[in-house]
Amino acid sequence: MISDEQLDAYRISGEKIRVIRDALESNDVKGIILAWDDSQVMVRRPNKRVVKLDRNYIFQPFSEPRQAFEEL
């Protein structure tokens, strides 16, 4: 799970992030962090829509190469 400190750093910087939900790259959510609580994160996508995502997904900066998704 991503920490509050990491989420706050992404929110303050306004850095575009990638949320990896499964093995398919086409299912990644790209956007900026708006808010979060104990279990969910709100991300604004480039088309201005806001989505709520689980905090257990993989969050990484969009500028970095995509990490491999590992099935647990």
C-alpha atoms as a PDB file:
ATOM      1  CA  MET A   1       0.000   0.000   0.000  1.00  0.00           C
ATOM      2  CA  ILE A   2       1.288   3.463  -0.864  1.00  0.00           C
ATOM      3  CA  SER A   3       2.100   5.685   2.106  1.00  0.00           C
ATOM      4  CA  ASP A   4       0.440   8.993   2.961  1.00  0.00           C
ATOM      5  CA  GLU A   5       3.811  10.724   2.638  1.00  0.00           C
ATOM      6  CA  GLN A   6       4.325   9.424  -0.907  1.00  0.00           C
ATOM      7  CA  LEU A   7       0.792  10.434  -1.926  1.00  0.00           C
ATOM      8  CA  ASP A   8       1.295  13.889  -0.437  1.00  0.00           C
ATOM      9  CA  ALA A   9       4.579  14.316  -2.327  1.00  0.00           C
ATOM     10  CA  TYR A  10       2.847  13.406  -5.634  1.00  0.00           C
ATOM     11  CA  ARG A  11      -0.054  15.778  -4.857  1.00  0.00           C
ATOM     12  CA  ILE A  12       2.141  18.735  -3.941  1.00  0.00           C
ATOM     13  CA  SER A  13       4.448  18.321  -6.951  1.00  0.00           C
ATOM     14  CA  GLY A  14       1.541  17.794  -9.370  1.00  0.00           C
ATOM     15  CA  GLU A  15       3.567  15.022 -10.995  1.00  0.00           C
ATOM     16  CA  LYS A  16       1.743  12.780 -13.457  1.00  0.00           C
ATOM     17  CA  ILE A  17       1.524   9.233 -12.086  1.00  0.00           C
ATOM     18  CA  ARG A  18       0.704   5.782 -13.431  1.00  0.00           C
ATOM     19  CA  VAL A  19      -1.491   3.358 -11.488  1.00  0.00           C
ATOM     20  CA  ILE A  20      -0.828  -0.252 -12.476  1.00  0.00           C
ATOM     21  CA  ARG A  21      -3.947  -2.337 -11.845  1.00  0.00           C
ATOM     22  CA  ASP A  22      -3.104  -5.544 -13.724  1.00  0.00           C
ATOM     23  CA  ALA A  23      -0.712  -7.038 -16.298  1.00  0.00           C
ATOM     24  CA  LEU A  24      -2.236  -5.133 -19.262  1.00  0.00           C
ATOM     25  CA  GLU A  25      -0.635  -1.755 -19.862  1.00  0.00           C
ATOM     26  CA  SER A  26      -3.829  -0.530 -21.557  1.00  0.00           C
ATOM     27  CA  ASN A  27      -5.625  -0.804 -18.172  1.00  0.00           C
ATOM     28  CA  ASP A  28      -3.225   1.592 -16.435  1.00  0.00           C
ATOM     29  CA  VAL A  29      -4.694   4.839 -15.100  1.00  0.00           C
ATOM     30  CA  LYS A  30      -2.620   7.950 -15.757  1.00  0.00           C
ATOM     31  CA  GLY A  31      -3.222  11.270 -14.032  1.00  0.00           C
ATOM     32  CA  ILE A  32      -2.541  13.390 -10.970  1.00  0.00           C
ATOM     33  CA  ILE A  33      -3.351  12.713  -7.312  1.00  0.00           C
ATOM     34  CA  LEU A  34      -6.192  14.818  -5.883  1.00  0.00           C
ATOM     35  CA  ALA A  35      -7.076  13.276  -2.510  1.00  0.00           C
ATOM     36  CA  TRP A  36      -7.066  10.019  -0.548  1.00  0.00           C
ATOM     37  CA  ASP A  37      -8.367   8.283   2.535  1.00  0.00           C
ATOM     38  CA  ASP A  38      -7.494   5.013   4.296  1.00  0.00           C
ATOM     39  CA  SER A  39      -8.542   2.770   1.400  1.00  0.00           C
ATOM     40  CA  GLN A  40      -8.933   4.847  -1.797  1.00  0.00           C
ATOM     41  CA  VAL A  41      -7.128   7.458  -3.889  1.00  0.00           C
ATOM     42  CA  MET A  42      -8.787   9.994  -6.198  1.00  0.00           C
ATOM     43  CA  VAL A  43      -6.935  10.551  -9.491  1.00  0.00           C
ATOM     44  CA  ARG A  44      -7.779  13.157 -12.143  1.00  0.00           C
ATOM     45  CA  ARG A  45      -7.249  11.699 -15.595  1.00  0.00           C
ATOM     46  CA  PRO A  46      -6.127  13.830 -18.593  1.00  0.00           C
ATOM     47  CA  ASN A  47      -9.742  14.025 -19.838  1.00  0.00           C
ATOM     48  CA  LYS A  48     -10.638  15.795 -16.526  1.00  0.00           C
ATOM     49  CA  ARG A  49     -12.592  12.813 -15.150  1.00  0.00           C
ATOM     50  CA  VAL A  50     -11.918  11.760 -11.597  1.00  0.00           C
ATOM     51  CA  VAL A  51     -11.626   8.092 -10.643  1.00  0.00           C
ATOM     52  CA  LYS A  52     -11.372   6.408  -7.236  1.00  0.00           C
ATOM     53  CA  LEU A  53      -8.772   3.667  -7.038  1.00  0.00           C
ATOM     54  CA  ASP A  54      -7.744   1.229  -4.325  1.00  0.00           C
ATOM     55  CA  ARG A  55      -4.541   2.137  -2.471  1.00  0.00           C
ATOM     56  CA  ASN A  56      -3.213  -1.407  -2.914  1.00  0.00           C
ATOM     57  CA  TYR A  57      -2.478  -0.839  -6.622  1.00  0.00           C
ATOM     58  CA  ILE A  58       1.045   0.033  -7.767  1.00  0.00           C
ATOM     59  CA  PHE A  59       1.630   3.813  -7.989  1.00  0.00           C
ATOM     60  CA  GLN A  60       4.672   5.139  -9.828  1.00  0.00           C
ATOM     61  CA  PRO A  61       5.740   8.316 -11.645  1.00  0.00           C
ATOM     62  CA  PHE A  62       4.638   8.321 -15.285  1.00  0.00           C
ATOM     63  CA  SER A  63       8.146   9.371 -16.361  1.00  0.00           C
ATOM     64  CA  GLU A  64       9.625   6.061 -15.165  1.00  0.00           C
ATOM     65  CA  PRO A  65       9.418   2.832 -17.211  1.00  0.00           C
ATOM     66  CA  ARG A  66       6.408   0.671 -16.325  1.00  0.00           C
ATOM     67  CA  GLN A  67       7.046  -1.917 -13.614  1.00  0.00           C
ATOM     68  CA  ALA A  68       6.113  -5.530 -14.253  1.00  0.00           C
ATOM     69  CA  PHE A  69       2.872  -6.536 -12.581  1.00  0.00           C
ATOM     70  CA  GLU A  70       3.282  -9.620 -10.428  1.00  0.00           C
ATOM     71  CA  GLU A  71       0.301 -11.838  -9.670  1.00  0.00           C
ATOM     72  CA  LEU A  72       0.125 -12.703  -5.974  1.00  0.00           C
END
